[in-house]
Amino acid sequence: DVVKCVESIRRFHPNEKIVIVDSDSPNRSYMDKVRHTNNLYIEDIKNTGYEAGAMWHVYNNYVAENYVFMQDSMQLTRSLEPFIGSELKVINIIKDWFGANNGDHEFAKEYMPKSKYVYRDSNFKMVQYNSYLIKRKILDQLKDNDFDKIIPYDKHGSCAMERITGIVFTDMGLLEHDYLFPRGTFHKI
């Protein structure tokens, strides 16, 4: 629920910029409910690239030192201020391909070669929900390695992106120490 998500952000971060990238929602009634929230921008771009499409749209159009990408089905339960200096903080991880199906594997095998990153079958941490705090300099590195060329077009691709992102963050050494938000920082609606 977008409205509850925005309200939870504002509870702890009353002035931070919020960008909502609409994923071609058939029901846009939430826009009227949040439109007048201070420092909130709605990108009604008919995004069909799931979380990755939204992330790269924000990266390309809103320059900031830090970003927090989260699904609208999440709510903050505390301030993120103590974590803002981190290069990366993820909401949750799961072991590599746990819960994946063949479509997820096939998407990853087909689309990872569009970047400079290499597919792997195991020994990585999957970044659940594709939701995290990340510094722009890390996004710059990802873009320099063509990670922005991997954009899902269906649910398999979106699920595969959780694993692809985990592979890439693991290979970059970002998932070794102190990379998780404390349990309970976010609540999945």
Protein backbone atom coordinates (compact mmCIF):
# COMPACT_ATOMS: atom_id res chain seq x y z
CA ASP A 1 0.00 0.00 0.00
CA VAL A 2 1.73 3.14 -1.26
CA VAL A 3 -0.05 5.45 1.17
CA LYS A 4 1.04 3.48 4.25
CA CYS A 5 4.56 3.23 2.87
CA VAL A 6 4.79 7.02 2.36
CA GLU A 7 3.29 7.69 5.80
CA SER A 8 5.89 5.42 7.42
CA ILE A 9 8.74 7.21 5.65
CA ARG A 10 7.41 10.62 6.65
CA ARG A 11 7.06 9.50 10.29
CA PHE A 12 10.86 9.08 10.52
CA HIS A 13 12.07 11.28 7.67
CA PRO A 14 9.76 14.29 7.43
CA ASN A 15 11.76 16.19 4.81
CA GLU A 16 13.62 13.60 2.73
CA LYS A 17 12.84 13.40 -0.96
CA ILE A 18 10.53 10.53 -1.88
CA VAL A 19 10.24 9.41 -5.48
CA ILE A 20 7.47 7.03 -6.45
CA VAL A 21 8.00 5.32 -9.78
CA ASP A 22 4.66 3.93 -10.87
CA SER A 23 4.92 0.46 -12.37
CA ASP A 24 2.11 0.89 -14.87
CA SER A 25 -0.48 0.36 -12.12
CA PRO A 26 -4.04 -0.10 -13.30
CA ASN A 27 -5.21 1.67 -10.13
CA ARG A 28 -3.57 5.05 -9.72
CA SER A 29 -5.93 6.33 -7.02
CA TYR A 30 -3.02 6.37 -4.53
CA MET A 31 -1.57 9.30 -6.47
CA ASP A 32 -4.35 11.63 -5.33
CA LYS A 33 -3.83 10.50 -1.72
CA VAL A 34 -0.08 11.26 -1.62
CA ARG A 35 0.29 13.95 -4.28
CA HIS A 36 0.39 16.81 -1.74
CA THR A 37 3.01 15.22 0.51
CA ASN A 38 5.97 17.58 0.86
CA ASN A 39 9.07 16.79 -1.22
CA LEU A 40 7.35 13.86 -2.94
CA TYR A 41 7.63 13.25 -6.67
CA ILE A 42 5.50 10.85 -8.68
CA GLU A 43 7.07 9.47 -11.84
CA ASP A 44 4.09 8.21 -13.81
CA ILE A 45 6.30 6.67 -16.51
CA LYS A 46 4.46 3.39 -17.03
CA ASN A 47 7.52 1.52 -15.77
CA THR A 48 7.43 -2.13 -16.84
CA GLY A 49 10.94 -2.90 -15.61
CA TYR A 50 9.92 -3.75 -12.05
CA GLU A 51 12.30 -2.65 -9.27
CA ALA A 52 15.32 -2.41 -11.58
CA GLY A 53 13.49 -0.14 -14.02
CA ALA A 54 12.43 2.12 -11.15
CA MET A 55 15.91 2.19 -9.65
CA TRP A 56 17.63 3.20 -12.87
CA HIS A 57 14.97 5.81 -13.63
CA VAL A 58 15.59 7.42 -10.22
CA TYR A 59 19.38 7.16 -10.65
CA ASN A 60 19.20 8.87 -14.05
CA ASN A 61 16.79 11.62 -12.97
CA TYR A 62 17.48 12.35 -9.28
CA VAL A 63 21.08 12.89 -8.26
CA ALA A 64 21.76 12.09 -4.61
CA GLU A 65 24.62 10.69 -2.55
CA ASN A 66 22.43 7.95 -1.02
CA TYR A 67 19.30 6.14 -2.13
CA VAL A 68 16.87 3.83 -0.39
CA PHE A 69 14.96 1.60 -2.77
CA MET A 70 11.99 -0.20 -1.30
CA GLN A 71 8.79 -1.77 -2.51
CA ASP A 72 5.51 -0.03 -1.78
CA SER A 73 4.49 -3.07 0.25
CA MET A 74 6.96 -2.10 2.98
CA GLN A 75 6.83 0.26 5.91
CA LEU A 76 9.65 1.78 7.92
CA THR A 77 9.53 1.06 11.64
CA ARG A 78 12.49 3.26 12.63
CA SER A 79 14.73 5.98 11.27
CA LEU A 80 17.36 5.05 8.70
CA GLU A 81 19.59 7.93 9.77
CA PRO A 82 22.14 5.70 11.61
CA PHE A 83 22.77 3.80 8.35
CA ILE A 84 23.05 6.66 5.86
CA GLY A 85 26.87 6.53 5.78
CA SER A 86 26.86 2.87 4.70
CA GLU A 87 27.81 1.87 1.18
CA LEU A 88 25.05 -0.73 1.21
CA LYS A 89 22.43 -2.04 3.61
CA VAL A 90 19.98 -4.68 2.43
CA ILE A 91 16.63 -5.49 3.98
CA ASN A 92 16.95 -9.26 3.88
CA ILE A 93 18.99 -12.01 2.26
CA ILE A 94 18.32 -15.64 1.45
CA LYS A 95 20.71 -18.35 0.25
CA ASP A 96 21.35 -18.11 -3.51
CA TRP A 97 18.60 -19.76 -5.61
CA PHE A 98 16.33 -20.80 -2.72
CA GLY A 99 12.70 -20.56 -3.87
CA ALA A 100 13.62 -19.86 -7.49
CA ASN A 101 12.21 -21.71 -10.47
CA ASN A 102 13.54 -22.49 -13.95
CA GLY A 103 12.23 -19.22 -15.38
CA ASP A 104 14.31 -17.28 -12.87
CA HIS A 105 17.46 -19.23 -13.80
CA GLU A 106 16.80 -18.83 -17.51
CA PHE A 107 16.31 -15.08 -17.22
CA ALA A 108 19.58 -14.73 -15.28
CA LYS A 109 21.51 -16.88 -17.78
CA GLU A 110 20.10 -14.92 -20.72
CA TYR A 111 20.41 -11.39 -19.32
CA MET A 112 23.57 -11.37 -17.19
CA PRO A 113 25.80 -11.43 -20.31
CA LYS A 114 24.39 -7.97 -21.15
CA SER A 115 26.52 -6.77 -18.23
CA LYS A 116 30.12 -7.45 -17.28
CA TYR A 117 28.99 -9.67 -14.43
CA VAL A 118 29.01 -13.48 -14.57
CA TYR A 119 26.15 -15.87 -13.75
CA ARG A 120 26.72 -18.43 -11.04
CA ASP A 121 24.72 -21.34 -9.67
CA SER A 122 25.60 -21.01 -5.98
CA ASN A 123 27.63 -19.35 -3.21
CA PHE A 124 25.96 -15.97 -3.17
CA LYS A 125 23.35 -14.17 -1.08
CA MET A 126 20.06 -13.32 -2.73
CA VAL A 127 18.88 -9.74 -2.04
CA GLN A 128 15.25 -10.29 -1.15
CA TYR A 129 12.72 -7.73 -2.44
CA ASN A 130 15.45 -5.85 -4.38
CA SER A 131 15.25 -3.34 -1.54
CA TYR A 132 18.25 -1.62 -0.01
CA LEU A 133 20.09 1.55 0.92
CA ILE A 134 22.95 2.22 -1.49
CA LYS A 135 25.45 4.97 -2.19
CA ARG A 136 25.45 6.56 -5.62
CA LYS A 137 29.13 5.66 -6.07
CA ILE A 138 28.12 1.95 -5.94
CA LEU A 139 25.38 2.58 -8.50
CA ASP A 140 28.01 4.36 -10.64
CA GLN A 141 30.16 1.20 -10.52
CA LEU A 142 27.15 -0.94 -11.44
CA LYS A 143 26.32 1.32 -14.38
CA ASP A 144 29.96 1.33 -15.52
CA ASN A 145 29.67 -2.48 -15.70
CA ASP A 146 26.38 -2.37 -17.64
CA PHE A 147 24.23 -3.63 -14.78
CA ASP A 148 21.61 -1.11 -15.94
CA LYS A 149 21.20 -3.20 -19.11
CA ILE A 150 19.55 -6.01 -17.11
CA ILE A 151 15.91 -4.95 -16.88
CA PRO A 152 13.20 -7.53 -16.16
CA TYR A 153 10.01 -7.59 -18.19
CA ASP A 154 8.01 -10.12 -16.15
CA LYS A 155 7.75 -11.65 -12.67
CA HIS A 156 10.44 -14.28 -13.46
CA GLY A 157 12.81 -11.47 -14.33
CA SER A 158 11.94 -9.57 -11.17
CA CYS A 159 12.59 -12.69 -9.05
CA ALA A 160 15.77 -13.37 -11.00
CA MET A 161 16.93 -9.80 -10.30
CA GLU A 162 16.94 -10.58 -6.57
CA ARG A 163 19.48 -13.30 -7.33
CA ILE A 164 21.39 -11.35 -9.98
CA THR A 165 21.72 -8.41 -7.60
CA GLY A 166 22.93 -10.81 -4.92
CA ILE A 167 25.51 -12.32 -7.27
CA VAL A 168 26.79 -8.87 -8.19
CA PHE A 169 26.87 -7.53 -4.62
CA THR A 170 28.60 -10.74 -3.49
CA ASP A 171 31.20 -10.41 -6.27
CA MET A 172 31.76 -6.75 -5.32
CA GLY A 173 32.45 -7.82 -1.71
CA LEU A 174 29.50 -5.78 -0.42
CA LEU A 175 27.80 -8.68 1.38
CA GLU A 176 30.64 -9.67 3.69
CA HIS A 177 30.37 -7.45 6.78
CA ASP A 178 27.57 -5.46 8.40
CA TYR A 179 25.38 -5.35 5.30
CA LEU A 180 21.95 -6.06 6.83
CA PHE A 181 19.55 -3.59 8.36
CA PRO A 182 18.67 -4.73 11.89
CA ARG A 183 15.64 -7.02 11.97
CA GLY A 184 12.43 -5.07 12.28
CA THR A 185 13.66 -1.91 10.50
CA PHE A 186 11.13 -2.63 7.77
CA HIS A 187 7.74 -4.28 7.96
CA LYS A 188 6.36 -6.10 4.91
CA ILE A 189 2.67 -5.26 4.51
